[in-house]
Amino acid sequence: MKNIFQRNWYIEVRRSDNGQLQAKTSYVDTTREATAHLLVDVNSFIIEEALWEEQKSSKPIGARTRQVTPLQGSEAYFSSGPALREAATFLKDPLAVPLFSETVKGIIQAETFLLSERGYSSEDEYDQKWTNFYLGSCRYYSNLDKVTMSWYEHVGESKRSGNLFVRFKTQSLFELREGQYLLIGNLSDSFHEVNVRLKLDEFTVKEADGVLLRTPDIICREAASLLVNLHGLDIRGISKKELARLLGKGQGCVHVIDLVSDCTQILDTLVRKVV
């Protein structure tokens, strides 16, 4: 078995001493290294500063650091999609969207520990807001009658200082033998731990499995069984929307779906190599 490509992500959100959040996503793959930085107001989640740092690139541009002005003044929350796409156009780099998107996702996760700053009077009020917002969206929020543990019972606290949220993600592509490949994806963060494995014959899935090692409730772990729905599928260029459908949509796990999507994206490297 030979490792032929891998990529690694590190997402971190920290509370500074002056009422701001410092958030970043550091990314390294076999050919590139870059970091997306956001400085965000802790109450409004308005982006005060956005930086793109390129340490190593497949393009002949060398190292660079740039202010990403299209993101300044926008909200680092669910509505940030258009601003992220504008940032990618500004930087002329499609990698900017996933890196800044992961940074925003980290800020949203860190809200768990910012109740008073975000206008919530209690853990229950915050929990209810998320229940209403996410109802039916994943296995946890589609089976609330079966859930045995609340969000804060899982998290264990609602107050943190300093480091608020951390996430590690890795995707690796291995060549098993000629024409056979193995894709492995791992996610570990402050609240979750997920692993997926796809064995491929050329680009067709022959085996697919995974495990959710740490989840908000045990019911979430049932979503791993849906990976069998990928068997026999040619996953080149498959959309995330189609993956979500195959992996259960509201009865699946968003982190499993995201991780499989991350894994399928690196097949482009293999396609270019073969073609």
Protein backbone atom coordinates (compact mmCIF):
# COMPACT_ATOMS: atom_id res chain seq x y z
CA MET A 1 0.00 0.00 0.00
CA LYS A 2 1.47 3.33 -1.10
CA ASN A 3 0.27 6.75 0.04
CA ILE A 4 0.01 8.97 -3.07
CA PHE A 5 -1.83 12.06 -1.80
CA GLN A 6 -3.04 13.53 1.47
CA ARG A 7 -4.35 16.76 2.89
CA ASN A 8 -4.68 18.08 6.42
CA TRP A 9 -6.79 20.80 8.01
CA TYR A 10 -6.50 22.45 11.42
CA ILE A 11 -9.28 24.79 12.56
CA GLU A 12 -8.93 26.85 15.73
CA VAL A 13 -11.11 29.50 17.38
CA ARG A 14 -9.74 31.48 20.32
CA ARG A 15 -11.18 34.25 22.47
CA SER A 16 -8.81 37.22 22.71
CA ASP A 17 -8.57 39.61 25.64
CA ASN A 18 -10.17 42.52 23.77
CA GLY A 19 -13.61 41.17 22.88
CA GLN A 20 -12.71 39.46 19.64
CA LEU A 21 -12.48 35.95 18.27
CA GLN A 22 -9.33 34.88 16.47
CA ALA A 23 -10.17 32.06 14.08
CA LYS A 24 -8.10 30.30 11.46
CA THR A 25 -7.96 27.26 9.21
CA SER A 26 -4.49 25.99 8.39
CA TYR A 27 -4.29 23.69 5.38
CA VAL A 28 -1.45 21.51 4.06
CA ASP A 29 -1.59 19.00 1.24
CA THR A 30 1.02 17.29 -0.90
CA THR A 31 1.49 20.40 -3.06
CA ARG A 32 0.05 23.38 -1.13
CA GLU A 33 0.09 25.18 2.19
CA ALA A 34 -2.25 28.04 3.09
CA THR A 35 -4.08 29.61 6.04
CA ALA A 36 -7.33 31.57 6.26
CA HIS A 37 -7.57 33.99 9.21
CA LEU A 38 -10.63 35.82 10.57
CA LEU A 39 -10.80 38.41 13.34
CA VAL A 40 -14.43 38.60 14.48
CA ASP A 41 -16.41 40.66 16.97
CA VAL A 42 -17.47 38.31 19.76
CA ASN A 43 -21.00 39.73 20.06
CA SER A 44 -22.07 40.37 16.46
CA PHE A 45 -19.79 37.85 14.68
CA ILE A 46 -19.01 40.63 12.19
CA ILE A 47 -15.68 40.08 10.45
CA GLU A 48 -13.30 42.91 11.30
CA GLU A 49 -10.30 41.54 9.45
CA ALA A 50 -9.69 38.68 7.02
CA LEU A 51 -6.26 37.48 5.94
CA TRP A 52 -5.17 34.94 3.33
CA GLU A 53 -1.71 33.52 3.94
CA GLU A 54 -0.08 31.43 1.22
CA GLN A 55 3.05 29.62 2.36
CA LYS A 56 3.43 27.24 -0.59
CA SER A 57 1.47 27.02 -3.82
CA SER A 58 1.35 24.97 -6.98
CA LYS A 59 1.27 28.33 -8.77
CA PRO A 60 4.54 30.23 -9.34
CA ILE A 61 3.66 33.05 -6.95
CA GLY A 62 5.71 32.29 -3.86
CA ALA A 63 4.65 33.14 -0.33
CA ARG A 64 2.17 35.98 0.16
CA THR A 65 -0.21 37.48 2.72
CA ARG A 66 -3.25 39.46 1.57
CA GLN A 67 -6.07 41.34 3.22
CA VAL A 68 -9.36 39.87 1.96
CA THR A 69 -11.45 43.02 1.88
CA PRO A 70 -14.66 41.44 0.48
CA LEU A 71 -15.12 39.59 3.78
CA GLN A 72 -14.71 42.61 6.03
CA GLY A 73 -18.04 43.76 7.48
CA SER A 74 -19.86 40.50 6.66
CA GLU A 75 -21.20 38.12 9.30
CA ALA A 76 -19.27 34.93 10.06
CA TYR A 77 -22.42 32.83 10.27
CA PHE A 78 -24.80 30.79 8.11
CA SER A 79 -25.38 33.66 5.67
CA SER A 80 -21.71 33.97 4.72
CA GLY A 81 -21.82 31.91 1.49
CA PRO A 82 -21.99 34.82 -1.02
CA ALA A 83 -19.17 36.69 0.75
CA LEU A 84 -16.99 33.55 0.72
CA ARG A 85 -17.49 33.12 -3.02
CA GLU A 86 -16.65 36.78 -3.53
CA ALA A 87 -13.44 36.24 -1.55
CA ALA A 88 -12.45 33.35 -3.81
CA THR A 89 -13.00 35.57 -6.86
CA PHE A 90 -10.97 38.34 -5.21
CA LEU A 91 -8.08 35.95 -4.50
CA LYS A 92 -8.50 34.06 -7.80
CA ASP A 93 -8.20 30.88 -5.78
CA PRO A 94 -11.02 28.31 -5.31
CA LEU A 95 -9.30 26.96 -2.17
CA ALA A 96 -10.34 30.15 -0.39
CA VAL A 97 -13.98 29.02 -0.19
CA PRO A 98 -13.41 25.77 1.77
CA LEU A 99 -10.75 27.32 4.02
CA PHE A 100 -12.76 30.39 5.01
CA SER A 101 -15.90 28.23 5.18
CA GLU A 102 -14.24 25.89 7.69
CA THR A 103 -13.17 28.94 9.70
CA VAL A 104 -16.77 30.22 9.80
CA LYS A 105 -18.00 26.74 10.79
CA GLY A 106 -15.54 26.81 13.68
CA ILE A 107 -16.89 30.17 14.84
CA ILE A 108 -20.46 28.82 14.72
CA GLN A 109 -19.38 25.81 16.82
CA ALA A 110 -17.63 28.13 19.31
CA GLU A 111 -20.96 29.90 19.92
CA THR A 112 -21.66 27.03 22.35
CA PHE A 113 -19.41 28.89 24.83
CA LEU A 114 -20.56 32.45 24.07
CA LEU A 115 -24.11 32.45 25.41
CA SER A 116 -24.23 35.85 27.09
CA GLU A 117 -22.21 37.51 24.33
CA ARG A 118 -24.67 36.20 21.73
CA GLY A 119 -27.77 37.22 23.71
CA TYR A 120 -28.84 33.88 25.19
CA SER A 121 -30.12 33.84 28.76
CA SER A 122 -29.47 30.15 29.39
CA GLU A 123 -28.21 26.86 28.00
CA ASP A 124 -31.83 25.79 27.52
CA GLU A 125 -32.59 28.81 25.32
CA TYR A 126 -29.56 28.12 23.13
CA ASP A 127 -30.40 24.41 22.95
CA GLN A 128 -33.98 25.19 21.90
CA LYS A 129 -32.79 27.59 19.20
CA TRP A 130 -30.67 24.85 17.65
CA THR A 131 -33.44 22.30 17.97
CA ASN A 132 -35.80 24.58 16.02
CA PHE A 133 -33.16 25.47 13.44
CA TYR A 134 -31.86 21.95 12.78
CA LEU A 135 -35.07 19.96 13.22
CA GLY A 136 -35.03 17.09 10.73
CA SER A 137 -31.58 17.95 9.39
CA CYS A 138 -29.54 15.02 10.75
CA ARG A 139 -29.98 11.78 12.66
CA TYR A 140 -29.83 13.53 16.04
CA TYR A 141 -32.39 16.22 15.20
CA SER A 142 -34.62 13.79 13.30
CA ASN A 143 -34.96 11.46 16.29
CA LEU A 144 -35.31 13.77 19.28
CA ASP A 145 -37.80 11.38 20.87
CA LYS A 146 -35.03 8.78 21.09
CA VAL A 147 -32.15 11.05 22.10
CA THR A 148 -30.86 10.35 25.61
CA MET A 149 -28.36 13.19 26.03
CA SER A 150 -28.74 16.96 25.61
CA TRP A 151 -26.13 19.09 23.85
CA TYR A 152 -24.65 20.50 27.05
CA GLU A 153 -24.63 17.10 28.73
CA HIS A 154 -22.42 16.01 25.83
CA VAL A 155 -20.25 19.13 25.86
CA GLY A 156 -20.01 19.23 29.65
CA GLU A 157 -19.85 23.02 30.04
CA SER A 158 -21.08 26.29 28.60
CA LYS A 159 -18.14 28.49 29.57
CA ARG A 160 -14.63 28.36 28.17
CA SER A 161 -11.84 30.90 27.99
CA GLY A 162 -8.90 31.00 25.62
CA ASN A 163 -9.29 28.18 23.14
CA LEU A 164 -12.98 27.63 22.32
CA PHE A 165 -12.99 25.13 19.47
CA VAL A 166 -10.51 22.90 17.64
CA ARG A 167 -11.02 20.63 14.64
CA PHE A 168 -8.58 18.35 12.82
CA LYS A 169 -9.43 16.80 9.44
CA THR A 170 -7.32 14.51 7.29
CA GLN A 171 -7.99 12.80 3.96
CA SER A 172 -5.51 10.30 2.49
CA LEU A 173 -5.40 8.45 -0.83
CA PHE A 174 -3.52 5.15 -1.04
CA GLU A 175 -2.73 2.93 -4.02
CA LEU A 176 -3.27 -0.68 -2.99
CA ARG A 177 -2.21 -2.17 -6.33
CA GLU A 178 -2.64 -1.15 -9.94
CA GLY A 179 -6.19 0.14 -10.40
CA GLN A 180 -7.17 -0.27 -6.74
CA TYR A 181 -7.22 2.54 -4.22
CA LEU A 182 -8.13 3.33 -0.64
CA LEU A 183 -9.55 6.65 0.58
CA ILE A 184 -9.53 7.35 4.31
CA GLY A 185 -11.00 10.39 6.03
CA ASN A 186 -10.74 11.37 9.71
CA LEU A 187 -12.33 14.18 11.68
CA SER A 188 -11.70 14.95 15.33
CA ASP A 189 -12.88 18.11 17.05
CA SER A 190 -14.07 19.46 20.38
CA PHE A 191 -17.43 17.68 20.00
CA HIS A 192 -17.09 14.86 17.42
CA GLU A 193 -14.83 12.09 16.16
CA VAL A 194 -15.58 10.43 12.80
CA ASN A 195 -13.76 8.04 10.45
CA VAL A 196 -14.70 6.85 6.93
CA ARG A 197 -13.03 4.34 4.60
CA LEU A 198 -13.69 3.83 0.88
CA LYS A 199 -12.04 1.01 -1.09
CA LEU A 200 -12.10 1.63 -4.84
CA ASP A 201 -11.67 -0.45 -7.97
CA GLU A 202 -10.60 2.31 -10.36
CA PHE A 203 -13.21 4.90 -9.32
CA THR A 204 -16.01 2.54 -8.26
CA VAL A 205 -16.68 1.95 -4.56
CA LYS A 206 -16.24 -1.72 -3.65
CA GLU A 207 -16.28 -1.25 0.13
CA ALA A 208 -17.45 1.65 2.29
CA ASP A 209 -17.58 1.78 6.05
CA GLY A 210 -16.85 4.04 8.96
CA VAL A 211 -17.30 4.68 12.63
CA LEU A 212 -18.44 7.59 14.79
CA LEU A 213 -16.27 7.32 17.88
CA ARG A 214 -17.54 10.40 19.71
CA THR A 215 -20.96 11.96 19.12
CA PRO A 216 -23.60 14.08 20.91
CA ASP A 217 -25.75 10.96 21.37
CA ILE A 218 -25.41 7.26 20.66
CA ILE A 219 -28.17 7.50 18.03
CA CYS A 220 -25.78 9.50 15.82
CA ARG A 221 -23.56 6.43 15.45
CA GLU A 222 -26.24 4.58 13.52
CA ALA A 223 -25.54 6.88 10.54
CA ALA A 224 -22.32 4.98 9.78
CA SER A 225 -24.34 2.03 8.47
CA LEU A 226 -25.59 4.20 5.58
CA LEU A 227 -22.13 4.19 3.99
CA VAL A 228 -23.08 0.86 2.41
CA ASN A 229 -25.26 2.91 0.02
CA LEU A 230 -22.06 3.96 -1.79
CA HIS A 231 -21.28 0.40 -2.92
CA GLY A 232 -21.02 0.10 -6.70
CA LEU A 233 -20.96 3.87 -7.24
CA ASP A 234 -18.49 5.71 -9.50
CA ILE A 235 -17.71 8.69 -7.29
CA ARG A 236 -15.75 10.85 -9.73
CA GLY A 237 -17.26 14.32 -9.74
CA ILE A 238 -20.19 13.34 -7.52
CA SER A 239 -21.97 16.34 -5.99
CA LYS A 240 -22.32 16.86 -2.27
CA LYS A 241 -26.09 17.04 -2.73
CA GLU A 242 -26.10 13.55 -4.25
CA LEU A 243 -23.84 12.24 -1.47
CA ALA A 244 -26.23 13.66 1.12
CA ARG A 245 -29.13 11.86 -0.56
CA LEU A 246 -27.25 8.54 -0.61
CA LEU A 247 -26.08 8.94 2.98
CA GLY A 248 -29.52 9.50 4.45
CA LYS A 249 -30.06 13.27 4.32
CA GLY A 250 -31.99 14.00 7.52
CA GLN A 251 -31.38 10.49 8.83
CA GLY A 252 -27.65 10.69 8.15
CA CYS A 253 -24.78 12.56 9.78
CA VAL A 254 -23.60 15.87 8.32
CA HIS A 255 -20.04 15.13 9.42
CA VAL A 256 -19.99 11.77 7.63
CA ILE A 257 -21.37 13.46 4.51
CA ASP A 258 -18.78 16.26 4.73
CA LEU A 259 -15.95 13.80 5.24
CA VAL A 260 -16.94 11.58 2.30
CA SER A 261 -17.24 14.71 0.15
CA ASP A 262 -13.76 15.81 1.26
CA CYS A 263 -12.40 12.40 0.30
CA THR A 264 -14.01 12.31 -3.14
CA GLN A 265 -12.55 15.73 -3.99
CA ILE A 266 -8.99 14.43 -3.91
CA LEU A 267 -9.84 11.91 -6.64
CA ASP A 268 -9.32 14.82 -9.07
CA THR A 269 -5.63 14.45 -8.37
CA LEU A 270 -5.76 10.79 -9.29
CA VAL A 271 -7.80 11.51 -12.43
CA ARG A 272 -5.20 14.04 -13.62
CA LYS A 273 -2.46 11.51 -12.95
CA VAL A 274 -4.19 8.75 -14.92
CA VAL A 275 -5.33 10.96 -17.80
